[in-house]
Amino acid sequence: MVLDPKNSWIEVELSFEEDKAPESLIALPEDYKPAEKPYKAVTIVKDPEMGKKGYKAGDVVVVPTHIIREVEVRDNKFYLIERNHVMAKVLA
């Protein structure tokens, strides 16, 4: 299945997952989740502006974690961000 983002929405991939925390010897509640970082590096999959002034597939950008939207369609997960929330582009 392919998603075709429109307007100012960009499809991204969560390719820079942090390593999982090591097992703890302290008992924590089952619903405990460690605090997320306020930002995340993601990889551009598809941008409606590609080829013009937009990002290319494979570009890595930094975005606030809370603006990443997960969309599920027929058991397929897609991740979208709005263009104006991109904080920076990572250059090699």
PDB file of N, CA and C in Angstrom:
ATOM      1  N   MET A   1       0.843  -1.172   0.000  1.00  0.00           N
ATOM      2  CA  MET A   1       0.000   0.000   0.000  1.00  0.00           C
ATOM      3  C   MET A   1       0.895   1.244   0.000  1.00  0.00           C
ATOM      4  N   VAL A   2       0.481   2.245  -0.756  1.00  0.00           N
ATOM      5  CA  VAL A   2       1.249   3.486  -0.880  1.00  0.00           C
ATOM      6  C   VAL A   2       0.391   4.638  -0.397  1.00  0.00           C
ATOM      7  N   LEU A   3       1.000   5.549   0.344  1.00  0.00           N
ATOM      8  CA  LEU A   3       0.319   6.749   0.806  1.00  0.00           C
ATOM      9  C   LEU A   3       0.837   7.929  -0.004  1.00  0.00           C
ATOM     10  N   ASP A   4      -0.047   8.784  -0.462  1.00  0.00           N
ATOM     11  CA  ASP A   4       0.345   9.944  -1.256  1.00  0.00           C
ATOM     12  C   ASP A   4      -0.030  11.212  -0.487  1.00  0.00           C
ATOM     13  N   PRO A   5       0.905  11.762   0.321  1.00  0.00           N
ATOM     14  CA  PRO A   5       0.577  12.940   1.124  1.00  0.00           C
ATOM     15  C   PRO A   5       0.278  14.158   0.250  1.00  0.00           C
ATOM     16  N   LYS A   6      -0.576  15.031   0.760  1.00  0.00           N
ATOM     17  CA  LYS A   6      -0.991  16.224   0.025  1.00  0.00           C
ATOM     18  C   LYS A   6      -0.706  17.474   0.856  1.00  0.00           C
ATOM     19  N   ASN A   7      -0.792  18.616   0.174  1.00  0.00           N
ATOM     20  CA  ASN A   7      -0.635  19.925   0.793  1.00  0.00           C
ATOM     21  C   ASN A   7       0.701  20.024   1.533  1.00  0.00           C
ATOM     22  N   SER A   8       0.668  20.344   2.800  1.00  0.00           N
ATOM     23  CA  SER A   8       1.909  20.548   3.541  1.00  0.00           C
ATOM     24  C   SER A   8       2.327  19.328   4.355  1.00  0.00           C
ATOM     25  N   TRP A   9       1.734  18.163   4.083  1.00  0.00           N
ATOM     26  CA  TRP A   9       2.070  16.949   4.825  1.00  0.00           C
ATOM     27  C   TRP A   9       3.174  16.179   4.123  1.00  0.00           C
ATOM     28  N   ILE A  10       4.109  15.657   4.908  1.00  0.00           N
ATOM     29  CA  ILE A  10       5.258  14.901   4.410  1.00  0.00           C
ATOM     30  C   ILE A  10       5.244  13.531   5.080  1.00  0.00           C
ATOM     31  N   GLU A  11       5.408  12.469   4.291  1.00  0.00           N
ATOM     32  CA  GLU A  11       5.509  11.129   4.867  1.00  0.00           C
ATOM     33  C   GLU A  11       6.944  10.888   5.299  1.00  0.00           C
ATOM     34  N   VAL A  12       7.106  10.369   6.512  1.00  0.00           N
ATOM     35  CA  VAL A  12       8.439  10.090   7.050  1.00  0.00           C
ATOM     36  C   VAL A  12       8.510   8.660   7.563  1.00  0.00           C
ATOM     37  N   GLU A  13       9.717   8.231   7.810  1.00  0.00           N
ATOM     38  CA  GLU A  13       9.983   6.907   8.363  1.00  0.00           C
ATOM     39  C   GLU A  13      10.743   7.120   9.669  1.00  0.00           C
ATOM     40  N   LEU A  14      10.372   6.376  10.691  1.00  0.00           N
ATOM     41  CA  LEU A  14      11.048   6.490  11.982  1.00  0.00           C
ATOM     42  C   LEU A  14      12.281   5.597  11.970  1.00  0.00           C
ATOM     43  N   SER A  15      13.293   6.031  11.249  1.00  0.00           N
ATOM     44  CA  SER A  15      14.454   5.185  11.000  1.00  0.00           C
ATOM     45  C   SER A  15      15.549   5.312  12.032  1.00  0.00           C
ATOM     46  N   PHE A  16      15.454   6.272  12.892  1.00  0.00           N
ATOM     47  CA  PHE A  16      16.517   6.503  13.870  1.00  0.00           C
ATOM     48  C   PHE A  16      16.034   6.180  15.272  1.00  0.00           C
ATOM     49  N   GLU A  17      15.528   4.962  15.466  1.00  0.00           N
ATOM     50  CA  GLU A  17      15.046   4.543  16.781  1.00  0.00           C
ATOM     51  C   GLU A  17      16.224   4.416  17.736  1.00  0.00           C
ATOM     52  N   GLU A  18      16.049   4.937  18.944  1.00  0.00           N
ATOM     53  CA  GLU A  18      17.097   4.809  19.950  1.00  0.00           C
ATOM     54  C   GLU A  18      17.132   3.379  20.466  1.00  0.00           C
ATOM     55  N   ASP A  19      18.300   2.991  20.972  1.00  0.00           N
ATOM     56  CA  ASP A  19      18.423   1.659  21.559  1.00  0.00           C
ATOM     57  C   ASP A  19      17.509   1.558  22.766  1.00  0.00           C
ATOM     58  N   LYS A  20      16.993   0.386  22.975  1.00  0.00           N
ATOM     59  CA  LYS A  20      16.133   0.152  24.127  1.00  0.00           C
ATOM     60  C   LYS A  20      16.960   0.232  25.409  1.00  0.00           C
ATOM     61  N   ALA A  21      16.342   0.709  26.481  1.00  0.00           N
ATOM     62  CA  ALA A  21      17.022   0.790  27.766  1.00  0.00           C
ATOM     63  C   ALA A  21      17.299  -0.623  28.264  1.00  0.00           C
ATOM     64  N   PRO A  22      18.419  -0.825  28.946  1.00  0.00           N
ATOM     65  CA  PRO A  22      18.706  -2.160  29.468  1.00  0.00           C
ATOM     66  C   PRO A  22      17.676  -2.556  30.520  1.00  0.00           C
ATOM     67  N   GLU A  23      17.526  -3.857  30.684  1.00  0.00           N
ATOM     68  CA  GLU A  23      16.581  -4.355  31.679  1.00  0.00           C
ATOM     69  C   GLU A  23      16.929  -3.782  33.045  1.00  0.00           C
ATOM     70  N   SER A  24      15.910  -3.379  33.770  1.00  0.00           N
ATOM     71  CA  SER A  24      16.098  -2.771  35.076  1.00  0.00           C
ATOM     72  C   SER A  24      15.894  -3.820  36.168  1.00  0.00           C
ATOM     73  N   LEU A  25      16.660  -3.661  37.240  1.00  0.00           N
ATOM     74  CA  LEU A  25      16.491  -4.550  38.386  1.00  0.00           C
ATOM     75  C   LEU A  25      15.466  -3.979  39.357  1.00  0.00           C
ATOM     76  N   ILE A  26      14.936  -2.810  39.027  1.00  0.00           N
ATOM     77  CA  ILE A  26      13.927  -2.173  39.865  1.00  0.00           C
ATOM     78  C   ILE A  26      12.557  -2.505  39.283  1.00  0.00           C
ATOM     79  N   ALA A  27      11.644  -2.900  40.135  1.00  0.00           N
ATOM     80  CA  ALA A  27      10.289  -3.218  39.670  1.00  0.00           C
ATOM     81  C   ALA A  27       9.546  -1.917  39.371  1.00  0.00           C
ATOM     82  N   LEU A  28       9.033  -1.819  38.144  1.00  0.00           N
ATOM     83  CA  LEU A  28       8.270  -0.647  37.723  1.00  0.00           C
ATOM     84  C   LEU A  28       6.865  -1.082  37.344  1.00  0.00           C
ATOM     85  N   PRO A  29       5.899  -0.170  37.424  1.00  0.00           N
ATOM     86  CA  PRO A  29       4.541  -0.531  36.982  1.00  0.00           C
ATOM     87  C   PRO A  29       4.561  -0.957  35.516  1.00  0.00           C
ATOM     88  N   GLU A  30       3.680  -1.874  35.139  1.00  0.00           N
ATOM     89  CA  GLU A  30       3.649  -2.386  33.769  1.00  0.00           C
ATOM     90  C   GLU A  30       3.346  -1.304  32.740  1.00  0.00           C
ATOM     91  N   ASP A  31       2.591  -0.280  33.124  1.00  0.00           N
ATOM     92  CA  ASP A  31       2.233   0.784  32.188  1.00  0.00           C
ATOM     93  C   ASP A  31       3.239   1.938  32.173  1.00  0.00           C
ATOM     94  N   TYR A  32       4.372   1.781  32.835  1.00  0.00           N
ATOM     95  CA  TYR A  32       5.397   2.836  32.883  1.00  0.00           C
ATOM     96  C   TYR A  32       6.058   2.999  31.518  1.00  0.00           C
ATOM     97  N   LYS A  33       6.182   4.245  31.086  1.00  0.00           N
ATOM     98  CA  LYS A  33       6.897   4.568  29.854  1.00  0.00           C
ATOM     99  C   LYS A  33       7.913   5.657  30.178  1.00  0.00           C
ATOM    100  N   PRO A  34       9.171   5.470  29.791  1.00  0.00           N
ATOM    101  CA  PRO A  34      10.148   6.525  30.045  1.00  0.00           C
ATOM    102  C   PRO A  34       9.804   7.769  29.222  1.00  0.00           C
ATOM    103  N   ALA A  35      10.222   8.914  29.709  1.00  0.00           N
ATOM    104  CA  ALA A  35       9.942  10.175  29.012  1.00  0.00           C
ATOM    105  C   ALA A  35      10.607  10.180  27.640  1.00  0.00           C
ATOM    106  N   GLU A  36       9.882  10.683  26.647  1.00  0.00           N
ATOM    107  CA  GLU A  36      10.430  10.778  25.294  1.00  0.00           C
ATOM    108  C   GLU A  36      11.249  12.040  25.153  1.00  0.00           C
ATOM    109  N   LYS A  37      12.217  11.996  24.243  1.00  0.00           N
ATOM    110  CA  LYS A  37      12.961  13.198  23.921  1.00  0.00           C
ATOM    111  C   LYS A  37      12.007  14.166  23.227  1.00  0.00           C
ATOM    112  N   PRO A  38      12.240  15.458  23.350  1.00  0.00           N
ATOM    113  CA  PRO A  38      11.328  16.419  22.727  1.00  0.00           C
ATOM    114  C   PRO A  38      11.478  16.517  21.207  1.00  0.00           C
ATOM    115  N   TYR A  39      12.465  15.834  20.633  1.00  0.00           N
ATOM    116  CA  TYR A  39      12.699  15.890  19.195  1.00  0.00           C
ATOM    117  C   TYR A  39      13.111  14.518  18.698  1.00  0.00           C
ATOM    118  N   LYS A  40      13.041  14.318  17.362  1.00  0.00           N
ATOM    119  CA  LYS A  40      13.408  13.021  16.777  1.00  0.00           C
ATOM    120  C   LYS A  40      13.921  13.257  15.359  1.00  0.00           C
ATOM    121  N   ALA A  41      14.933  12.503  14.970  1.00  0.00           N
ATOM    122  CA  ALA A  41      15.422  12.518  13.594  1.00  0.00           C
ATOM    123  C   ALA A  41      14.617  11.484  12.811  1.00  0.00           C
ATOM    124  N   VAL A  42      14.075  11.888  11.665  1.00  0.00           N
ATOM    125  CA  VAL A  42      13.271  11.002  10.825  1.00  0.00           C
ATOM    126  C   VAL A  42      13.755  11.112   9.380  1.00  0.00           C
ATOM    127  N   THR A  43      13.439  10.110   8.580  1.00  0.00           N
ATOM    128  CA  THR A  43      13.838  10.084   7.175  1.00  0.00           C
ATOM    129  C   THR A  43      12.629  10.395   6.295  1.00  0.00           C
ATOM    130  N   ILE A  44      12.820  11.268   5.321  1.00  0.00           N
ATOM    131  CA  ILE A  44      11.757  11.628   4.396  1.00  0.00           C
ATOM    132  C   ILE A  44      11.468  10.449   3.464  1.00  0.00           C
ATOM    133  N   VAL A  45      10.199  10.074   3.334  1.00  0.00           N
ATOM    134  CA  VAL A  45       9.774   9.033   2.409  1.00  0.00           C
ATOM    135  C   VAL A  45       9.190   9.681   1.159  1.00  0.00           C
ATOM    136  N   LYS A  46       8.223  10.594   1.369  1.00  0.00           N
ATOM    137  CA  LYS A  46       7.568  11.240   0.241  1.00  0.00           C
ATOM    138  C   LYS A  46       7.150  12.651   0.639  1.00  0.00           C
ATOM    139  N   ASP A  47       7.455  13.604  -0.237  1.00  0.00           N
ATOM    140  CA  ASP A  47       7.111  15.007  -0.020  1.00  0.00           C
ATOM    141  C   ASP A  47       6.404  15.517  -1.275  1.00  0.00           C
ATOM    142  N   PRO A  48       5.201  16.093  -1.163  1.00  0.00           N
ATOM    143  CA  PRO A  48       4.501  16.602  -2.345  1.00  0.00           C
ATOM    144  C   PRO A  48       5.310  17.657  -3.106  1.00  0.00           C
ATOM    145  N   GLU A  49       6.245  18.304  -2.443  1.00  0.00           N
ATOM    146  CA  GLU A  49       7.064  19.345  -3.065  1.00  0.00           C
ATOM    147  C   GLU A  49       8.366  18.795  -3.660  1.00  0.00           C
ATOM    148  N   MET A  50       8.555  17.460  -3.672  1.00  0.00           N
ATOM    149  CA  MET A  50       9.793  16.869  -4.199  1.00  0.00           C
ATOM    150  C   MET A  50      10.073  17.390  -5.599  1.00  0.00           C
ATOM    151  N   GLY A  51      11.341  17.695  -5.856  1.00  0.00           N
ATOM    152  CA  GLY A  51      11.731  18.163  -7.173  1.00  0.00           C
ATOM    153  C   GLY A  51      11.595  19.656  -7.345  1.00  0.00           C
ATOM    154  N   LYS A  52      10.892  20.304  -6.451  1.00  0.00           N
ATOM    155  CA  LYS A  52      10.741  21.755  -6.515  1.00  0.00           C
ATOM    156  C   LYS A  52      11.630  22.353  -5.436  1.00  0.00           C
ATOM    157  N   LYS A  53      11.013  22.730  -4.329  1.00  0.00           N
ATOM    158  CA  LYS A  53      11.756  23.291  -3.214  1.00  0.00           C
ATOM    159  C   LYS A  53      11.690  22.384  -1.991  1.00  0.00           C
ATOM    160  N   GLY A  54      11.139  21.192  -2.166  1.00  0.00           N
ATOM    161  CA  GLY A  54      10.921  20.287  -1.044  1.00  0.00           C
ATOM    162  C   GLY A  54      12.112  19.413  -0.722  1.00  0.00           C
ATOM    163  N   TYR A  55      11.863  18.443   0.139  1.00  0.00           N
ATOM    164  CA  TYR A  55      12.886  17.492   0.564  1.00  0.00           C
ATOM    165  C   TYR A  55      12.898  16.301  -0.382  1.00  0.00           C
ATOM    166  N   LYS A  56      14.057  15.663  -0.490  1.00  0.00           N
ATOM    167  CA  LYS A  56      14.192  14.465  -1.321  1.00  0.00           C
ATOM    168  C   LYS A  56      14.006  13.235  -0.447  1.00  0.00           C
ATOM    169  N   ALA A  57      13.584  12.138  -1.066  1.00  0.00           N
ATOM    170  CA  ALA A  57      13.486  10.872  -0.345  1.00  0.00           C
ATOM    171  C   ALA A  57      14.864  10.533   0.189  1.00  0.00           C
ATOM    172  N   GLY A  58      14.931  10.159   1.451  1.00  0.00           N
ATOM    173  CA  GLY A  58      16.199   9.823   2.081  1.00  0.00           C
ATOM    174  C   GLY A  58      16.796  10.956   2.905  1.00  0.00           C
ATOM    175  N   ASP A  59      16.310  12.194   2.720  1.00  0.00           N
ATOM    176  CA  ASP A  59      16.788  13.303   3.558  1.00  0.00           C
ATOM    177  C   ASP A  59      16.412  13.016   5.004  1.00  0.00           C
ATOM    178  N   VAL A  60      17.291  13.404   5.926  1.00  0.00           N
ATOM    179  CA  VAL A  60      17.023  13.243   7.354  1.00  0.00           C
ATOM    180  C   VAL A  60      16.746  14.625   7.933  1.00  0.00           C
ATOM    181  N   VAL A  61      15.627  14.741   8.640  1.00  0.00           N
ATOM    182  CA  VAL A  61      15.241  16.010   9.259  1.00  0.00           C
ATOM    183  C   VAL A  61      14.936  15.784  10.733  1.00  0.00           C
ATOM    184  N   VAL A  62      14.992  16.866  11.496  1.00  0.00           N
ATOM    185  CA  VAL A  62      14.692  16.823  12.928  1.00  0.00           C
ATOM    186  C   VAL A  62      13.345  17.516  13.140  1.00  0.00           C
ATOM    187  N   VAL A  63      12.453  16.839  13.882  1.00  0.00           N
ATOM    188  CA  VAL A  63      11.115  17.379  14.146  1.00  0.00           C
ATOM    189  C   VAL A  63      10.769  17.179  15.622  1.00  0.00           C
ATOM    190  N   PRO A  64       9.873  18.013  16.157  1.00  0.00           N
ATOM    191  CA  PRO A  64       9.387  17.763  17.519  1.00  0.00           C
ATOM    192  C   PRO A  64       8.643  16.427  17.560  1.00  0.00           C
ATOM    193  N   THR A  65       8.902  15.650  18.574  1.00  0.00           N
ATOM    194  CA  THR A  65       8.303  14.318  18.695  1.00  0.00           C
ATOM    195  C   THR A  65       6.777  14.367  18.709  1.00  0.00           C
ATOM    196  N   HIS A  66       6.216  15.348  19.385  1.00  0.00           N
ATOM    197  CA  HIS A  66       4.762  15.371  19.562  1.00  0.00           C
ATOM    198  C   HIS A  66       3.983  15.683  18.286  1.00  0.00           C
ATOM    199  N   ILE A  67       4.638  16.104  17.209  1.00  0.00           N
ATOM    200  CA  ILE A  67       3.903  16.432  15.986  1.00  0.00           C
ATOM    201  C   ILE A  67       3.880  15.281  14.978  1.00  0.00           C
ATOM    202  N   ILE A  68       4.561  14.194  15.263  1.00  0.00           N
ATOM    203  CA  ILE A  68       4.551  13.043  14.353  1.00  0.00           C
ATOM    204  C   ILE A  68       3.201  12.346  14.476  1.00  0.00           C
ATOM    205  N   ARG A  69       2.494  12.244  13.367  1.00  0.00           N
ATOM    206  CA  ARG A  69       1.162  11.636  13.350  1.00  0.00           C
ATOM    207  C   ARG A  69       1.230  10.241  12.750  1.00  0.00           C
ATOM    208  N   GLU A  70       0.728   9.263  13.491  1.00  0.00           N
ATOM    209  CA  GLU A  70       0.672   7.888  12.996  1.00  0.00           C
ATOM    210  C   GLU A  70      -0.702   7.666  12.371  1.00  0.00           C
ATOM    211  N   VAL A  71      -0.704   7.197  11.134  1.00  0.00           N
ATOM    212  CA  VAL A  71      -1.944   6.924  10.417  1.00  0.00           C
ATOM    213  C   VAL A  71      -1.955   5.441  10.082  1.00  0.00           C
ATOM    214  N   GLU A  72      -3.037   4.752  10.432  1.00  0.00           N
ATOM    215  CA  GLU A  72      -3.143   3.327  10.138  1.00  0.00           C
ATOM    216  C   GLU A  72      -4.257   3.108   9.123  1.00  0.00           C
ATOM    217  N   VAL A  73      -3.905   2.466   7.997  1.00  0.00           N
ATOM    218  CA  VAL A  73      -4.868   2.157   6.946  1.00  0.00           C
ATOM    219  C   VAL A  73      -4.701   0.681   6.598  1.00  0.00           C
ATOM    220  N   ARG A  74      -5.744  -0.096   6.844  1.00  0.00           N
ATOM    221  CA  ARG A  74      -5.708  -1.539   6.551  1.00  0.00           C
ATOM    222  C   ARG A  74      -4.453  -2.209   7.103  1.00  0.00           C
ATOM    223  N   ASP A  75      -4.205  -2.017   8.367  1.00  0.00           N
ATOM    224  CA  ASP A  75      -3.072  -2.624   9.070  1.00  0.00           C
ATOM    225  C   ASP A  75      -1.708  -2.142   8.582  1.00  0.00           C
ATOM    226  N   ASN A  76      -1.652  -1.066   7.807  1.00  0.00           N
ATOM    227  CA  ASN A  76      -0.394  -0.452   7.397  1.00  0.00           C
ATOM    228  C   ASN A  76      -0.237   0.846   8.175  1.00  0.00           C
ATOM    229  N   LYS A  77       0.947   1.048   8.759  1.00  0.00           N
ATOM    230  CA  LYS A  77       1.199   2.270   9.515  1.00  0.00           C
ATOM    231  C   LYS A  77       2.037   3.235   8.685  1.00  0.00           C
ATOM    232  N   PHE A  78       1.614   4.484   8.686  1.00  0.00           N
ATOM    233  CA  PHE A  78       2.326   5.558   8.013  1.00  0.00           C
ATOM    234  C   PHE A  78       2.541   6.673   9.026  1.00  0.00           C
ATOM    235  N   TYR A  79       3.605   7.442   8.827  1.00  0.00           N
ATOM    236  CA  TYR A  79       3.902   8.550   9.724  1.00  0.00           C
ATOM    237  C   TYR A  79       3.986   9.832   8.914  1.00  0.00           C
ATOM    238  N   LEU A  80       3.269  10.859   9.379  1.00  0.00           N
ATOM    239  CA  LEU A  80       3.209  12.127   8.673  1.00  0.00           C
ATOM    240  C   LEU A  80       3.628  13.270   9.591  1.00  0.00           C
ATOM    241  N   ILE A  81       4.247  14.288   8.984  1.00  0.00           N
ATOM    242  CA  ILE A  81       4.564  15.529   9.694  1.00  0.00           C
ATOM    243  C   ILE A  81       4.137  16.686   8.797  1.00  0.00           C
ATOM    244  N   GLU A  82       3.906  17.835   9.395  1.00  0.00           N
ATOM    245  CA  GLU A  82       3.617  19.028   8.611  1.00  0.00           C
ATOM    246  C   GLU A  82       4.935  19.733   8.302  1.00  0.00           C
ATOM    247  N   ARG A  83       5.052  20.223   7.082  1.00  0.00           N
ATOM    248  CA  ARG A  83       6.278  20.858   6.601  1.00  0.00           C
ATOM    249  C   ARG A  83       6.790  21.956   7.536  1.00  0.00           C
ATOM    250  N   ASN A  84       5.899  22.782   8.061  1.00  0.00           N
ATOM    251  CA  ASN A  84       6.362  23.912   8.848  1.00  0.00           C
ATOM    252  C   ASN A  84       6.870  23.526  10.247  1.00  0.00           C
ATOM    253  N   HIS A  85       6.817  22.233  10.598  1.00  0.00           N
ATOM    254  CA  HIS A  85       7.349  21.783  11.882  1.00  0.00           C
ATOM    255  C   HIS A  85       8.772  21.238  11.783  1.00  0.00           C
ATOM    256  N   VAL A  86       9.340  21.183  10.594  1.00  0.00           N
ATOM    257  CA  VAL A  86      10.714  20.704  10.453  1.00  0.00           C
ATOM    258  C   VAL A  86      11.648  21.721  11.096  1.00  0.00           C
ATOM    259  N   MET A  87      12.454  21.245  12.063  1.00  0.00           N
ATOM    260  CA  MET A  87      13.373  22.122  12.783  1.00  0.00           C
ATOM    261  C   MET A  87      14.697  22.282  12.047  1.00  0.00           C
ATOM    262  N   ALA A  88      15.176  21.206  11.421  1.00  0.00           N
ATOM    263  CA  ALA A  88      16.482  21.248  10.763  1.00  0.00           C
ATOM    264  C   ALA A  88      16.633  20.066   9.827  1.00  0.00           C
ATOM    265  N   LYS A  89      17.518  20.209   8.861  1.00  0.00           N
ATOM    266  CA  LYS A  89      17.888  19.111   7.973  1.00  0.00           C
ATOM    267  C   LYS A  89      19.285  18.674   8.371  1.00  0.00           C
ATOM    268  N   VAL A  90      19.490  17.357   8.501  1.00  0.00           N
ATOM    269  CA  VAL A  90      20.797  16.825   8.887  1.00  0.00           C
ATOM    270  C   VAL A  90      21.640  16.675   7.618  1.00  0.00           C
ATOM    271  N   LEU A  91      22.804  17.297   7.623  1.00  0.00           N
ATOM    272  CA  LEU A  91      23.714  17.229   6.482  1.00  0.00           C
ATOM    273  C   LEU A  91      24.869  16.298   6.802  1.00  0.00           C
ATOM    274  N   ALA A  92      25.275  15.516   5.829  1.00  0.00           N
ATOM    275  CA  ALA A  92      26.371  14.547   6.040  1.00  0.00           C
ATOM    276  C   ALA A  92      27.718  15.233   6.052  1.00  0.00           C
TER     277      ALA A  92
END
